[in-house]
Amino acid sequence: QVQLVESGGGLVQAGGSLRLSCAASGRTFSSMGWFRQAPGKERAMVAAINYSGSSTYYADSVKGRFTISRDNAKNTVYLQMNSLKPEDTAVYYCAAGPNIDRPSTWGQGTQVTVSS
């Protein structure tokens, strides 16, 4: 069974840090990424990474604050989030597939809440 399981969300004060993890099982994915959806807003890509880690993408709103990485031996992708802002509050979803613009597999989501 192909599955993505996220962990690491929670409540943090503005300026703080969190690290999200997403463990994949059932197969290895060429591209993996993180999306987020805030209340009343559409789900949007936050960061993405290719299999080797040589290519990454970041939304403008998180550049310089978030870092995506992956450990292929553990089939896990990470999102290190620093200098968090209240506007980063959202449900964060791990996603994966041949084309990260149209993921074939989604995680269940993990809540990140940043208090001011």
Protein backbone atom coordinates (compact mmCIF):
# COMPACT_ATOMS: atom_id res chain seq x y z
CA GLN A 1 0.00 0.00 0.00
CA VAL A 2 1.39 3.37 -1.05
CA GLN A 3 1.21 5.81 1.81
CA LEU A 4 2.60 9.15 3.02
CA VAL A 5 2.55 9.83 6.75
CA GLU A 6 3.33 13.30 8.07
CA SER A 7 4.48 14.27 11.53
CA GLY A 8 5.92 17.28 13.31
CA GLY A 9 3.14 19.82 13.20
CA GLY A 10 2.01 21.78 16.23
CA LEU A 11 1.67 25.16 17.89
CA VAL A 12 4.60 27.57 17.93
CA GLN A 13 5.10 31.25 18.61
CA ALA A 14 6.01 33.65 15.85
CA GLY A 15 9.72 33.51 15.18
CA GLY A 16 9.94 29.89 16.22
CA SER A 17 10.79 26.77 14.26
CA LEU A 18 9.23 23.43 13.40
CA ARG A 19 10.38 20.48 11.34
CA LEU A 20 7.85 18.43 9.42
CA SER A 21 8.59 14.88 8.35
CA CYS A 22 6.88 12.74 5.74
CA ALA A 23 7.62 9.05 5.57
CA ALA A 24 6.72 7.25 2.36
CA SER A 25 5.94 3.57 2.19
CA GLY A 26 5.07 1.21 -0.63
CA ARG A 27 7.26 2.86 -3.27
CA THR A 28 9.92 5.45 -3.94
CA PHE A 29 8.86 8.74 -5.50
CA SER A 30 10.90 10.79 -7.91
CA SER A 31 9.48 14.12 -6.73
CA MET A 32 8.20 15.00 -3.29
CA GLY A 33 6.91 18.21 -1.85
CA TRP A 34 4.88 20.09 0.69
CA PHE A 35 1.64 21.97 0.12
CA ARG A 36 -0.39 24.00 2.59
CA GLN A 37 -3.97 25.12 2.88
CA ALA A 38 -5.11 27.89 5.17
CA PRO A 39 -8.79 28.41 6.06
CA GLY A 40 -10.64 29.95 3.12
CA LYS A 41 -7.68 29.60 0.77
CA GLU A 42 -6.71 27.16 -1.94
CA ARG A 43 -4.07 24.53 -1.39
CA ALA A 44 -0.72 25.76 -2.69
CA MET A 45 2.74 24.31 -3.13
CA VAL A 46 5.26 25.43 -0.53
CA ALA A 47 8.37 23.49 -1.50
CA ALA A 48 9.42 20.58 -3.68
CA ILE A 49 12.50 18.45 -4.26
CA ASN A 50 13.63 15.96 -6.86
CA TYR A 51 14.99 12.51 -6.10
CA SER A 52 18.66 13.46 -5.89
CA GLY A 53 17.99 16.70 -4.04
CA SER A 54 19.78 18.64 -6.74
CA SER A 55 16.67 20.64 -7.63
CA THR A 56 14.37 22.40 -5.21
CA TYR A 57 11.47 24.81 -5.44
CA TYR A 58 10.19 27.29 -2.87
CA ALA A 59 7.19 29.56 -2.92
CA ASP A 60 8.23 33.21 -2.68
CA SER A 61 6.52 33.53 0.69
CA VAL A 62 8.84 30.98 2.33
CA LYS A 63 12.15 31.53 0.54
CA GLY A 64 14.99 32.01 3.00
CA ARG A 65 12.92 30.62 5.89
CA PHE A 66 11.98 27.07 4.87
CA THR A 67 14.29 24.28 3.71
CA ILE A 68 13.18 21.05 2.07
CA SER A 69 15.38 17.97 2.15
CA ARG A 70 15.05 14.22 1.76
CA ASP A 71 16.70 11.06 2.99
CA ASN A 72 16.20 8.42 0.33
CA ALA A 73 17.55 5.67 2.56
CA LYS A 74 14.62 6.38 4.90
CA ASN A 75 12.23 7.30 2.06
CA THR A 76 11.46 10.47 3.99
CA VAL A 77 11.17 14.14 3.08
CA TYR A 78 11.54 16.97 5.57
CA LEU A 79 10.50 20.60 5.78
CA GLN A 80 12.51 22.73 8.19
CA MET A 81 10.53 25.87 8.95
CA ASN A 82 12.29 28.77 10.64
CA SER A 83 11.24 32.32 11.48
CA LEU A 84 7.61 31.23 11.39
CA LYS A 85 4.93 33.86 10.94
CA PRO A 86 1.22 33.78 11.82
CA GLU A 87 0.47 33.70 8.08
CA ASP A 88 2.24 30.33 7.89
CA THR A 89 -0.67 28.85 9.87
CA ALA A 90 -2.22 26.11 7.74
CA VAL A 91 -2.67 22.40 7.28
CA TYR A 92 0.51 21.13 5.65
CA TYR A 93 0.28 18.20 3.25
CA CYS A 94 3.04 15.99 1.98
CA ALA A 95 2.70 15.03 -1.67
CA ALA A 96 4.59 12.90 -4.14
CA GLY A 97 4.58 11.68 -7.72
CA PRO A 98 6.35 11.81 -11.07
CA ASN A 99 5.12 15.38 -11.51
CA ILE A 100 4.88 17.31 -8.28
CA ASP A 101 2.60 19.86 -9.95
CA ARG A 102 -0.01 17.09 -10.08
CA PRO A 103 0.81 14.75 -7.19
CA SER A 104 -0.38 11.17 -7.40
CA THR A 105 -0.24 10.59 -3.65
CA TRP A 106 -1.11 12.78 -0.66
CA GLY A 107 -0.57 12.55 3.05
CA GLN A 108 -3.35 13.12 5.56
CA GLY A 109 -2.10 16.57 6.57
CA THR A 110 -0.65 18.04 9.74
CA GLN A 111 -1.73 21.28 11.40
CA VAL A 112 0.79 24.06 11.92
CA THR A 113 -0.38 27.00 14.03
CA VAL A 114 1.79 30.06 14.58
CA SER A 115 0.66 32.41 17.31
CA SER A 116 1.51 36.11 17.32
